[in-house]
C-alpha atoms as a PDB file:
ATOM      1  CA  MET A   1      -9.932 -27.488   9.688  1.00  0.00           C
ATOM      2  CA  LEU A   2      -9.981 -26.646   6.208  1.00  0.00           C
ATOM      3  CA  ASN A   3      -8.778 -28.725   3.430  1.00  0.00           C
ATOM      4  CA  CYS A   4      -8.890 -26.258   0.471  1.00  0.00           C
ATOM      5  CA  ILE A   5      -8.128 -22.561   0.459  1.00  0.00           C
ATOM      6  CA  GLY A   6      -7.739 -19.852  -1.876  1.00  0.00           C
ATOM      7  CA  VAL A   7      -5.576 -16.868  -2.408  1.00  0.00           C
ATOM      8  CA  ILE A   8      -6.333 -13.896  -4.231  1.00  0.00           C
ATOM      9  CA  THR A   9      -4.464 -10.164  -4.687  1.00  0.00           C
ATOM     10  CA  SER A  10      -6.657  -7.475  -5.102  1.00  0.00           C
ATOM     11  CA  GLY A  11      -6.961  -3.560  -5.531  1.00  0.00           C
ATOM     12  CA  GLY A  12      -3.564  -1.486  -6.345  1.00  0.00           C
ATOM     13  CA  ASP A  13      -0.603  -3.840  -6.911  1.00  0.00           C
ATOM     14  CA  SER A  14       2.236  -3.232  -4.262  1.00  0.00           C
ATOM     15  CA  PRO A  15       5.819  -4.744  -4.339  1.00  0.00           C
ATOM     16  CA  GLY A  16       5.987  -7.874  -1.888  1.00  0.00           C
ATOM     17  CA  MET A  17       2.306  -9.089  -2.867  1.00  0.00           C
ATOM     18  CA  ASN A  18       4.266 -12.271  -4.589  1.00  0.00           C
ATOM     19  CA  ALA A  19       6.304 -12.919  -1.400  1.00  0.00           C
ATOM     20  CA  ALA A  20       3.054 -12.928   0.302  1.00  0.00           C
ATOM     21  CA  ALA A  21       1.304 -15.335  -2.086  1.00  0.00           C
ATOM     22  CA  ARG A  22       4.429 -17.483  -2.336  1.00  0.00           C
ATOM     23  CA  ALA A  23       4.433 -17.926   1.480  1.00  0.00           C
ATOM     24  CA  VAL A  24       0.629 -18.603   1.688  1.00  0.00           C
ATOM     25  CA  VAL A  25       0.812 -21.476  -1.405  1.00  0.00           C
ATOM     26  CA  ARG A  26       3.869 -22.998   0.011  1.00  0.00           C
ATOM     27  CA  THR A  27       2.578 -23.142   3.787  1.00  0.00           C
ATOM     28  CA  ALA A  28      -0.490 -24.605   2.674  1.00  0.00           C
ATOM     29  CA  LEU A  29       1.221 -27.352   0.446  1.00  0.00           C
ATOM     30  CA  PHE A  30       3.561 -27.935   3.219  1.00  0.00           C
ATOM     31  CA  GLU A  31       0.699 -28.715   5.695  1.00  0.00           C
ATOM     32  CA  GLY A  32      -0.826 -30.893   3.174  1.00  0.00           C
ATOM     33  CA  ILE A  33      -3.767 -28.317   2.135  1.00  0.00           C
ATOM     34  CA  GLU A  34      -4.811 -27.813  -1.429  1.00  0.00           C
ATOM     35  CA  VAL A  35      -4.727 -24.307  -2.545  1.00  0.00           C
ATOM     36  CA  TRP A  36      -6.164 -22.588  -5.651  1.00  0.00           C
ATOM     37  CA  GLY A  37      -4.893 -19.344  -7.063  1.00  0.00           C
ATOM     38  CA  ILE A  38      -7.156 -16.521  -8.101  1.00  0.00           C
ATOM     39  CA  GLN A  39      -6.303 -14.392 -11.087  1.00  0.00           C
ATOM     40  CA  ASN A  40      -7.506 -10.730 -11.590  1.00  0.00           C
ATOM     41  CA  GLY A  41      -8.739  -9.905  -8.079  1.00  0.00           C
ATOM     42  CA  TYR A  42     -12.593 -10.558  -7.211  1.00  0.00           C
ATOM     43  CA  ARG A  43     -13.080 -10.369 -11.220  1.00  0.00           C
ATOM     44  CA  GLY A  44     -11.532 -13.615 -11.354  1.00  0.00           C
ATOM     45  CA  ILE A  45     -13.883 -15.653  -9.161  1.00  0.00           C
ATOM     46  CA  LEU A  46     -16.891 -14.386 -11.122  1.00  0.00           C
ATOM     47  CA  ASP A  47     -15.166 -15.203 -14.467  1.00  0.00           C
ATOM     48  CA  ASP A  48     -13.860 -18.344 -13.317  1.00  0.00           C
ATOM     49  CA  GLU A  49     -10.302 -17.662 -13.500  1.00  0.00           C
ATOM     50  CA  MET A  50      -9.094 -20.089 -10.897  1.00  0.00           C
ATOM     51  CA  PHE A  51      -6.362 -22.812 -10.817  1.00  0.00           C
ATOM     52  CA  LYS A  52      -4.944 -25.465  -8.565  1.00  0.00           C
ATOM     53  CA  MET A  53      -1.663 -24.618  -7.500  1.00  0.00           C
ATOM     54  CA  GLU A  54       1.583 -26.265  -6.830  1.00  0.00           C
ATOM     55  CA  ARG A  55       4.947 -25.436  -5.499  1.00  0.00           C
ATOM     56  CA  LYS A  56       6.500 -24.746  -8.942  1.00  0.00           C
ATOM     57  CA  ASP A  57       3.415 -22.336  -9.492  1.00  0.00           C
ATOM     58  CA  VAL A  58       5.529 -19.567  -7.042  1.00  0.00           C
ATOM     59  CA  SER A  59       8.806 -20.098  -8.190  1.00  0.00           C
ATOM     60  CA  ASP A  60      11.050 -17.249  -9.323  1.00  0.00           C
ATOM     61  CA  ILE A  61       8.545 -14.577  -8.073  1.00  0.00           C
ATOM     62  CA  ILE A  62       9.837 -13.293  -4.794  1.00  0.00           C
ATOM     63  CA  GLN A  63      11.892 -10.998  -6.067  1.00  0.00           C
ATOM     64  CA  ARG A  64       9.171  -9.535  -8.736  1.00  0.00           C
ATOM     65  CA  GLY A  65       6.936  -6.408  -8.149  1.00  0.00           C
ATOM     66  CA  GLY A  66       3.374  -6.251  -8.957  1.00  0.00           C
ATOM     67  CA  THR A  67       1.397  -9.589  -8.685  1.00  0.00           C
ATOM     68  CA  PHE A  68       1.721 -12.882 -10.734  1.00  0.00           C
ATOM     69  CA  LEU A  69      -1.760 -13.512 -10.095  1.00  0.00           C
ATOM     70  CA  GLY A  70      -2.798  -9.784 -11.263  1.00  0.00           C
ATOM     71  CA  THR A  71      -5.689  -7.751  -9.899  1.00  0.00           C
ATOM     72  CA  ALA A  72      -8.226  -5.843 -11.250  1.00  0.00           C
ATOM     73  CA  ARG A  73     -11.243  -3.423 -10.115  1.00  0.00           C
ATOM     74  CA  CYS A  74     -14.696  -5.554 -10.058  1.00  0.00           C
ATOM     75  CA  ARG A  75     -17.938  -3.652  -9.796  1.00  0.00           C
ATOM     76  CA  ARG A  76     -19.859  -6.684  -9.740  1.00  0.00           C
ATOM     77  CA  PHE A  77     -18.373  -7.928  -6.712  1.00  0.00           C
ATOM     78  CA  MET A  78     -19.580  -4.568  -5.077  1.00  0.00           C
ATOM     79  CA  THR A  79     -22.899  -5.757  -4.865  1.00  0.00           C
ATOM     80  CA  PRO A  80     -24.497  -8.280  -2.593  1.00  0.00           C
ATOM     81  CA  GLU A  81     -25.716 -10.317  -5.849  1.00  0.00           C
ATOM     82  CA  GLY A  82     -22.302 -10.473  -7.139  1.00  0.00           C
ATOM     83  CA  ARG A  83     -20.850 -11.497  -3.871  1.00  0.00           C
ATOM     84  CA  ALA A  84     -23.601 -14.525  -3.607  1.00  0.00           C
ATOM     85  CA  GLU A  85     -22.290 -15.336  -6.983  1.00  0.00           C
ATOM     86  CA  ALA A  86     -18.507 -15.431  -5.959  1.00  0.00           C
ATOM     87  CA  ALA A  87     -19.494 -17.770  -2.943  1.00  0.00           C
ATOM     88  CA  ALA A  88     -21.104 -20.007  -5.177  1.00  0.00           C
ATOM     89  CA  LYS A  89     -17.946 -20.079  -7.588  1.00  0.00           C
ATOM     90  CA  LEU A  90     -15.697 -20.744  -4.781  1.00  0.00           C
ATOM     91  CA  LYS A  91     -17.957 -23.892  -3.621  1.00  0.00           C
ATOM     92  CA  GLU A  92     -18.163 -25.145  -6.860  1.00  0.00           C
ATOM     93  CA  LYS A  93     -14.229 -25.465  -6.678  1.00  0.00           C
ATOM     94  CA  GLY A  94     -14.250 -26.649  -3.237  1.00  0.00           C
ATOM     95  CA  ILE A  95     -12.272 -23.798  -1.893  1.00  0.00           C
ATOM     96  CA  GLU A  96     -13.366 -23.307   1.903  1.00  0.00           C
ATOM     97  CA  GLY A  97     -11.674 -20.275   2.760  1.00  0.00           C
ATOM     98  CA  LEU A  98      -9.769 -17.175   1.119  1.00  0.00           C
ATOM     99  CA  CYS A  99      -6.740 -15.495   1.924  1.00  0.00           C
ATOM    100  CA  VAL A 100      -7.076 -11.840   0.603  1.00  0.00           C
ATOM    101  CA  ILE A 101      -3.940  -9.697  -0.133  1.00  0.00           C
ATOM    102  CA  GLY A 102      -4.709  -6.045  -0.564  1.00  0.00           C
ATOM    103  CA  GLY A 103      -5.495  -2.533   0.822  1.00  0.00           C
ATOM    104  CA  ASP A 104      -8.395  -1.222   2.651  1.00  0.00           C
ATOM    105  CA  GLY A 105     -10.934  -1.628  -0.124  1.00  0.00           C
ATOM    106  CA  SER A 106      -9.994  -5.037  -0.658  1.00  0.00           C
ATOM    107  CA  LEU A 107     -10.469  -6.161   2.778  1.00  0.00           C
ATOM    108  CA  ARG A 108     -13.442  -4.316   3.314  1.00  0.00           C
ATOM    109  CA  GLY A 109     -14.910  -6.378   0.215  1.00  0.00           C
ATOM    110  CA  ALA A 110     -13.610  -9.545   2.005  1.00  0.00           C
ATOM    111  CA  SER A 111     -15.379  -8.727   5.336  1.00  0.00           C
ATOM    112  CA  LEU A 112     -18.797  -8.192   3.266  1.00  0.00           C
ATOM    113  CA  LEU A 113     -18.276 -11.611   1.765  1.00  0.00           C
ATOM    114  CA  SER A 114     -17.592 -12.934   5.179  1.00  0.00           C
ATOM    115  CA  ALA A 115     -20.451 -11.673   6.924  1.00  0.00           C
ATOM    116  CA  GLU A 116     -23.032 -12.113   3.798  1.00  0.00           C
ATOM    117  CA  GLN A 117     -21.970 -15.543   2.624  1.00  0.00           C
ATOM    118  CA  HIS A 118     -20.006 -17.119   5.741  1.00  0.00           C
ATOM    119  CA  ILE A 119     -16.887 -17.748   3.826  1.00  0.00           C
ATOM    120  CA  PRO A 120     -13.864 -18.058   6.176  1.00  0.00           C
ATOM    121  CA  ILE A 121     -11.467 -14.883   5.229  1.00  0.00           C
ATOM    122  CA  VAL A 122      -8.315 -13.968   6.619  1.00  0.00           C
ATOM    123  CA  GLY A 123      -6.606 -10.836   5.087  1.00  0.00           C
ATOM    124  CA  ILE A 124      -2.999  -9.841   4.561  1.00  0.00           C
ATOM    125  CA  PRO A 125      -2.407  -5.727   4.444  1.00  0.00           C
ATOM    126  CA  GLY A 126      -0.970  -5.178   0.711  1.00  0.00           C
ATOM    127  CA  THR A 127      -0.867  -1.403  -0.189  1.00  0.00           C
ATOM    128  CA  ILE A 128       1.924   1.164  -0.475  1.00  0.00           C
ATOM    129  CA  ASP A 129       0.038   3.774   1.400  1.00  0.00           C
ATOM    130  CA  ASN A 130       0.718   2.103   4.745  1.00  0.00           C
ATOM    131  CA  ASP A 131      -3.068   3.066   5.918  1.00  0.00           C
ATOM    132  CA  VAL A 132      -4.344  -0.206   7.196  1.00  0.00           C
ATOM    133  CA  TRP A 133      -5.766   0.228  10.878  1.00  0.00           C
ATOM    134  CA  GLY A 134      -4.032  -1.824  13.519  1.00  0.00           C
ATOM    135  CA  SER A 135      -0.760  -2.404  11.638  1.00  0.00           C
ATOM    136  CA  ASP A 136       2.394  -0.495  11.617  1.00  0.00           C
ATOM    137  CA  TYR A 137       3.144  -1.889   8.392  1.00  0.00           C
ATOM    138  CA  THR A 138       1.326  -2.880   5.018  1.00  0.00           C
ATOM    139  CA  ILE A 139       2.991  -5.001   2.254  1.00  0.00           C
ATOM    140  CA  GLY A 140       4.966  -2.507  -0.615  1.00  0.00           C
ATOM    141  CA  CYS A 141       5.111   0.817   1.923  1.00  0.00           C
ATOM    142  CA  ASP A 142       8.901   0.381   2.320  1.00  0.00           C
ATOM    143  CA  THR A 143       9.857  -0.269  -1.439  1.00  0.00           C
ATOM    144  CA  ALA A 144       7.582   2.680  -2.332  1.00  0.00           C
ATOM    145  CA  ALA A 145       9.057   4.881   0.350  1.00  0.00           C
ATOM    146  CA  ASN A 146      12.458   3.917  -0.948  1.00  0.00           C
ATOM    147  CA  THR A 147      11.636   4.750  -4.615  1.00  0.00           C
ATOM    148  CA  ILE A 148      10.498   8.193  -3.745  1.00  0.00           C
ATOM    149  CA  ILE A 149      13.660   8.770  -2.006  1.00  0.00           C
ATOM    150  CA  ASP A 150      15.994   7.760  -4.977  1.00  0.00           C
ATOM    151  CA  ALA A 151      13.940  10.464  -6.892  1.00  0.00           C
ATOM    152  CA  ILE A 152      14.300  12.957  -4.202  1.00  0.00           C
ATOM    153  CA  ASN A 153      18.037  12.538  -4.133  1.00  0.00           C
ATOM    154  CA  LYS A 154      18.138  12.986  -7.923  1.00  0.00           C
ATOM    155  CA  LEU A 155      15.875  16.146  -8.158  1.00  0.00           C
ATOM    156  CA  ARG A 156      18.085  17.706  -5.120  1.00  0.00           C
ATOM    157  CA  ASP A 157      21.125  17.698  -7.228  1.00  0.00           C
ATOM    158  CA  THR A 158      19.296  19.620 -10.253  1.00  0.00           C
ATOM    159  CA  ALA A 159      17.484  21.945  -7.785  1.00  0.00           C
ATOM    160  CA  SER A 160      20.800  23.085  -6.113  1.00  0.00           C
ATOM    161  CA  ALA A 161      22.524  23.517  -9.336  1.00  0.00           C
ATOM    162  CA  HIS A 162      19.760  25.856 -10.620  1.00  0.00           C
ATOM    163  CA  ARG A 163      18.574  27.447  -7.332  1.00  0.00           C
ATOM    164  CA  ARG A 164      15.205  26.188  -7.855  1.00  0.00           C
ATOM    165  CA  VAL A 165      12.208  25.084  -6.035  1.00  0.00           C
ATOM    166  CA  VAL A 166      11.036  21.414  -6.338  1.00  0.00           C
ATOM    167  CA  VAL A 167       7.845  20.258  -5.560  1.00  0.00           C
ATOM    168  CA  VAL A 168       7.199  16.616  -5.725  1.00  0.00           C
ATOM    169  CA  GLU A 169       4.050  14.957  -5.825  1.00  0.00           C
ATOM    170  CA  VAL A 170       3.684  11.310  -4.114  1.00  0.00           C
ATOM    171  CA  MET A 171       0.926   9.068  -3.873  1.00  0.00           C
ATOM    172  CA  GLY A 172      -1.883   9.077  -0.789  1.00  0.00           C
ATOM    173  CA  ARG A 173      -4.887  10.296  -1.561  1.00  0.00           C
ATOM    174  CA  LYS A 174      -6.299   9.964   2.250  1.00  0.00           C
ATOM    175  CA  CYS A 175      -2.894   9.135   3.894  1.00  0.00           C
ATOM    176  CA  GLY A 176       0.189  11.162   3.947  1.00  0.00           C
ATOM    177  CA  TRP A 177       2.487   8.198   5.414  1.00  0.00           C
ATOM    178  CA  LEU A 178       4.619   8.038   2.062  1.00  0.00           C
ATOM    179  CA  ALA A 179       4.661  11.659   1.882  1.00  0.00           C
ATOM    180  CA  LEU A 180       5.785  12.336   5.675  1.00  0.00           C
ATOM    181  CA  THR A 181       8.331   9.141   5.953  1.00  0.00           C
ATOM    182  CA  ALA A 182       9.903  10.167   2.196  1.00  0.00           C
ATOM    183  CA  GLY A 183       9.942  13.704   3.092  1.00  0.00           C
ATOM    184  CA  ILE A 184      12.018  13.298   6.394  1.00  0.00           C
ATOM    185  CA  SER A 185      14.315  10.701   4.924  1.00  0.00           C
ATOM    186  CA  GLY A 186      14.928  13.159   2.138  1.00  0.00           C
ATOM    187  CA  GLY A 187      15.472  16.127   3.827  1.00  0.00           C
ATOM    188  CA  ALA A 188      12.293  18.233   2.828  1.00  0.00           C
ATOM    189  CA  GLU A 189      11.726  21.597   4.054  1.00  0.00           C
ATOM    190  CA  TYR A 190       7.716  21.380   3.690  1.00  0.00           C
ATOM    191  CA  ILE A 191       5.551  18.070   3.804  1.00  0.00           C
ATOM    192  CA  LEU A 192       1.752  18.383   2.653  1.00  0.00           C
ATOM    193  CA  VAL A 193      -0.347  15.731   3.608  1.00  0.00           C
ATOM    194  CA  PRO A 194      -3.962  15.484   3.868  1.00  0.00           C
ATOM    195  CA  GLU A 195      -4.220  15.206   7.631  1.00  0.00           C
ATOM    196  CA  GLU A 196      -2.952  18.641   8.287  1.00  0.00           C
ATOM    197  CA  GLU A 197      -3.647  22.235   7.166  1.00  0.00           C
ATOM    198  CA  PHE A 198      -1.317  24.326   5.563  1.00  0.00           C
ATOM    199  CA  ASP A 199      -0.741  28.013   4.338  1.00  0.00           C
ATOM    200  CA  LEU A 200       0.700  28.511   1.091  1.00  0.00           C
ATOM    201  CA  ASP A 201       0.977  32.107   1.661  1.00  0.00           C
ATOM    202  CA  GLN A 202       2.824  31.522   4.383  1.00  0.00           C
ATOM    203  CA  ILE A 203       5.068  28.802   2.824  1.00  0.00           C
ATOM    204  CA  SER A 204       5.798  31.273   0.109  1.00  0.00           C
ATOM    205  CA  SER A 205       7.151  33.652   2.267  1.00  0.00           C
ATOM    206  CA  GLU A 206       9.111  31.832   4.263  1.00  0.00           C
ATOM    207  CA  ILE A 207      10.723  30.325   1.067  1.00  0.00           C
ATOM    208  CA  SER A 208      11.221  33.940  -0.308  1.00  0.00           C
ATOM    209  CA  GLU A 209      13.057  35.188   3.233  1.00  0.00           C
ATOM    210  CA  ALA A 210      14.909  31.610   2.975  1.00  0.00           C
ATOM    211  CA  TYR A 211      16.349  32.425  -0.517  1.00  0.00           C
ATOM    212  CA  LYS A 212      17.366  36.111   0.696  1.00  0.00           C
ATOM    213  CA  LYS A 213      19.496  34.473   3.370  1.00  0.00           C
ATOM    214  CA  GLY A 214      21.448  32.225   0.426  1.00  0.00           C
ATOM    215  CA  LYS A 215      19.192  29.163   0.504  1.00  0.00           C
ATOM    216  CA  ARG A 216      20.077  27.418  -2.674  1.00  0.00           C
ATOM    217  CA  TYR A 217      16.988  25.032  -3.123  1.00  0.00           C
ATOM    218  CA  ILE A 218      13.710  24.212  -1.441  1.00  0.00           C
ATOM    219  CA  LEU A 219      12.277  20.666  -1.515  1.00  0.00           C
ATOM    220  CA  VAL A 220       8.329  20.390  -0.893  1.00  0.00           C
ATOM    221  CA  VAL A 221       6.973  17.099  -0.795  1.00  0.00           C
ATOM    222  CA  VAL A 222       3.090  16.820  -1.392  1.00  0.00           C
ATOM    223  CA  ALA A 223       0.758  13.908  -0.951  1.00  0.00           C
ATOM    224  CA  GLU A 224      -1.828  13.946  -4.018  1.00  0.00           C
ATOM    225  CA  GLY A 225      -4.795  13.970  -1.497  1.00  0.00           C
ATOM    226  CA  ALA A 226      -3.248  17.041  -0.038  1.00  0.00           C
ATOM    227  CA  GLY A 227      -3.701  19.049  -3.576  1.00  0.00           C
ATOM    228  CA  SER A 228      -2.482  19.164  -6.924  1.00  0.00           C
ATOM    229  CA  ALA A 229       1.249  19.690  -7.049  1.00  0.00           C
ATOM    230  CA  VAL A 230       1.017  21.534 -10.389  1.00  0.00           C
ATOM    231  CA  GLU A 231      -1.176  24.122  -8.860  1.00  0.00           C
ATOM    232  CA  ILE A 232       0.875  24.447  -5.598  1.00  0.00           C
ATOM    233  CA  GLY A 233       4.188  24.758  -7.731  1.00  0.00           C
ATOM    234  CA  LYS A 234       2.112  27.331  -9.737  1.00  0.00           C
ATOM    235  CA  THR A 235       0.989  29.378  -6.640  1.00  0.00           C
ATOM    236  CA  ILE A 236       4.829  29.097  -5.315  1.00  0.00           C
ATOM    237  CA  HIS A 237       6.353  30.656  -8.482  1.00  0.00           C
ATOM    238  CA  GLU A 238       3.800  33.375  -8.696  1.00  0.00           C
ATOM    239  CA  LYS A 239       4.348  34.613  -5.033  1.00  0.00           C
ATOM    240  CA  THR A 240       7.943  33.906  -4.973  1.00  0.00           C
ATOM    241  CA  GLU A 241       8.935  34.475  -8.479  1.00  0.00           C
ATOM    242  CA  ILE A 242      11.595  31.879  -7.922  1.00  0.00           C
ATOM    243  CA  ASP A 243      12.083  29.072 -10.760  1.00  0.00           C
ATOM    244  CA  THR A 244       9.915  26.259  -9.609  1.00  0.00           C
ATOM    245  CA  ARG A 245       9.574  22.695 -10.919  1.00  0.00           C
ATOM    246  CA  VAL A 246       7.150  19.954 -10.450  1.00  0.00           C
ATOM    247  CA  THR A 247       7.650  16.316 -10.678  1.00  0.00           C
ATOM    248  CA  VAL A 248       4.823  14.100 -10.124  1.00  0.00           C
ATOM    249  CA  LEU A 249       5.957  10.258  -9.290  1.00  0.00           C
ATOM    250  CA  GLY A 250       2.814   8.693 -10.496  1.00  0.00           C
ATOM    251  CA  HIS A 251       3.052   4.948 -10.778  1.00  0.00           C
ATOM    252  CA  ILE A 252       6.308   4.402 -10.757  1.00  0.00           C
ATOM    253  CA  GLN A 253       5.946   4.258  -6.834  1.00  0.00           C
ATOM    254  CA  ARG A 254       3.746   0.867  -7.241  1.00  0.00           C
ATOM    255  CA  GLY A 255       6.812  -1.026  -9.430  1.00  0.00           C
ATOM    256  CA  GLY A 256       9.962  -2.429  -8.804  1.00  0.00           C
ATOM    257  CA  THR A 257      11.942  -5.147  -6.976  1.00  0.00           C
ATOM    258  CA  PRO A 258      10.584  -5.311  -3.207  1.00  0.00           C
ATOM    259  CA  THR A 259      13.066  -4.266  -0.748  1.00  0.00           C
ATOM    260  CA  ILE A 260      14.257  -7.004   1.680  1.00  0.00           C
ATOM    261  CA  ILE A 261      12.006  -5.802   4.038  1.00  0.00           C
ATOM    262  CA  ASP A 262       9.115  -6.085   2.087  1.00  0.00           C
ATOM    263  CA  ARG A 263       9.989  -9.682   0.898  1.00  0.00           C
ATOM    264  CA  VAL A 264      10.628 -10.991   4.578  1.00  0.00           C
ATOM    265  CA  LYS A 265       7.773  -9.339   6.224  1.00  0.00           C
ATOM    266  CA  ALA A 266       5.483 -10.141   3.170  1.00  0.00           C
ATOM    267  CA  SER A 267       6.539 -13.486   3.858  1.00  0.00           C
ATOM    268  CA  GLN A 268       6.076 -13.731   7.586  1.00  0.00           C
ATOM    269  CA  LEU A 269       2.431 -12.368   6.894  1.00  0.00           C
ATOM    270  CA  GLY A 270       1.546 -14.948   4.431  1.00  0.00           C
ATOM    271  CA  GLU A 271       2.544 -17.898   6.596  1.00  0.00           C
ATOM    272  CA  LYS A 272       0.427 -16.535   9.637  1.00  0.00           C
ATOM    273  CA  ALA A 273      -2.271 -15.905   7.289  1.00  0.00           C
ATOM    274  CA  ALA A 274      -2.483 -19.408   5.976  1.00  0.00           C
ATOM    275  CA  LEU A 275      -2.013 -21.455   8.966  1.00  0.00           C
ATOM    276  CA  ALA A 276      -4.758 -19.284  10.685  1.00  0.00           C
ATOM    277  CA  LEU A 277      -7.147 -20.100   7.707  1.00  0.00           C
ATOM    278  CA  ILE A 278      -6.416 -23.718   7.447  1.00  0.00           C
ATOM    279  CA  SER A 279      -7.039 -23.867  11.293  1.00  0.00           C
ATOM    280  CA  GLY A 280     -10.460 -22.383  10.553  1.00  0.00           C
ATOM    281  CA  LEU A 281     -10.056 -19.037  12.156  1.00  0.00           C
ATOM    282  CA  THR A 282     -11.745 -16.207  10.270  1.00  0.00           C
ATOM    283  CA  ASP A 283     -12.270 -12.283  10.038  1.00  0.00           C
ATOM    284  CA  LEU A 284      -8.692 -11.703  10.722  1.00  0.00           C
ATOM    285  CA  VAL A 285      -6.009  -9.635   9.364  1.00  0.00           C
ATOM    286  CA  PHE A 286      -2.347 -10.125  10.171  1.00  0.00           C
ATOM    287  CA  GLY A 287      -0.076  -7.244  10.581  1.00  0.00           C
ATOM    288  CA  PHE A 288       2.765  -5.870  12.366  1.00  0.00           C
ATOM    289  CA  HIS A 289       3.145  -3.722  15.953  1.00  0.00           C
ATOM    290  CA  LYS A 290       6.299  -2.879  17.483  1.00  0.00           C
ATOM    291  CA  GLY A 291       7.871  -5.559  15.359  1.00  0.00           C
ATOM    292  CA  SER A 292       5.834  -8.347  15.811  1.00  0.00           C
ATOM    293  CA  VAL A 293       3.336 -10.191  13.846  1.00  0.00           C
ATOM    294  CA  VAL A 294      -0.083  -9.456  15.301  1.00  0.00           C
ATOM    295  CA  SER A 295      -3.939 -10.417  14.423  1.00  0.00           C
ATOM    296  CA  ILE A 296      -6.505  -7.645  14.009  1.00  0.00           C
ATOM    297  CA  ASN A 297     -10.084  -8.208  13.688  1.00  0.00           C
ATOM    298  CA  LEU A 298     -11.179  -7.653  10.047  1.00  0.00           C
ATOM    299  CA  HIS A 299     -14.226  -5.770  10.999  1.00  0.00           C
ATOM    300  CA  ASP A 300     -11.963  -3.188  13.098  1.00  0.00           C
ATOM    301  CA  ALA A 301      -9.353  -2.914  10.318  1.00  0.00           C
ATOM    302  CA  VAL A 302     -11.764  -1.629   7.812  1.00  0.00           C
ATOM    303  CA  THR A 303     -14.130   0.301  10.041  1.00  0.00           C
ATOM    304  CA  ASN A 304     -11.287   2.524  11.742  1.00  0.00           C
ATOM    305  CA  LYS A 305      -9.202   5.272  10.311  1.00  0.00           C
ATOM    306  CA  LYS A 306      -5.122   5.045  10.785  1.00  0.00           C
ATOM    307  CA  ILE A 307      -3.949   8.004  12.309  1.00  0.00           C
ATOM    308  CA  LEU A 308      -0.479   9.355  11.438  1.00  0.00           C
ATOM    309  CA  ASP A 309       2.302   9.552  13.799  1.00  0.00           C
ATOM    310  CA  LYS A 310       2.125  12.926  15.394  1.00  0.00           C
ATOM    311  CA  GLU A 311       5.808  12.410  16.559  1.00  0.00           C
ATOM    312  CA  LEU A 312       6.954  12.139  12.998  1.00  0.00           C
ATOM    313  CA  PHE A 313       4.846  15.328  12.414  1.00  0.00           C
ATOM    314  CA  ARG A 314       6.870  16.955  15.208  1.00  0.00           C
ATOM    315  CA  LEU A 315      10.287  15.654  13.976  1.00  0.00           C
ATOM    316  CA  ALA A 316       9.396  16.840  10.487  1.00  0.00           C
ATOM    317  CA  LYS A 317       9.175  20.621  11.686  1.00  0.00           C
ATOM    318  CA  VAL A 318      11.902  20.596  13.769  1.00  0.00           C
ATOM    319  CA  LEU A 319      14.215  19.030  11.157  1.00  0.00           C
ATOM    320  CA  ALA A 320      12.705  21.478   8.458  1.00  0.00           C
END
């Protein structure tokens, strides 16, 4: 059983990270375990930005987006020498294990720290992309999808008024979950994701035909990894001669008050992760599968690629 653990948020921030960190801290303290907060991601370990935490340190944060611990990219940690230095810094503080809240890259770094330095690690998937293998859900994806839907609802109003084609670019360099989910929820006619090829000539031809039949507007949702919405919008305009506007949502998708789903699920994962780490378990990621909390092998989580649900692809085409 571990007597002292640390909690860290790393990589891109996502709404609900605070709820997860809060759950880790309060669960550890409830069990009589010392817990340290690590600021600014892995860089905070190397720069000694760590502090012993009490219950009050996680008060009034469950409703806040972002991460109160901060996050940052750290090139030093990407080297074996950097990870050895990080392990030494943790041991200096008496931190025996680490709870890592972050996405694929953060969990991969955690896996290397465990393998090379034998630091017990338990991960919690925190990324709006919902792309961590083995889990149906990652912290922040629900809030981000709802932010996109809010934008789509507003864009639809002005698109209809002017009979425009509106192209909306959302986050997702390697995974199109946000685009696919928000596109279906927002009634998009076309959803372009990196996992599936598309033909802009065919799409443009179909749009022209739809307008001839009286269509008032077309909504195209593009995951950033599928291509530039600006270039896609330009091509559609050139081929159809229909007024086409592009909106790139950008980092607004990362911010905002987390939804109830992200607060509750993050809290559940935080408690399970803390209890597992305290009990001496390591190399696990806690996620959700079919509504229940499950443990996933950390190595499997970072070496396998999550596949988008083919049924959602089919549904998107049927409903378009």
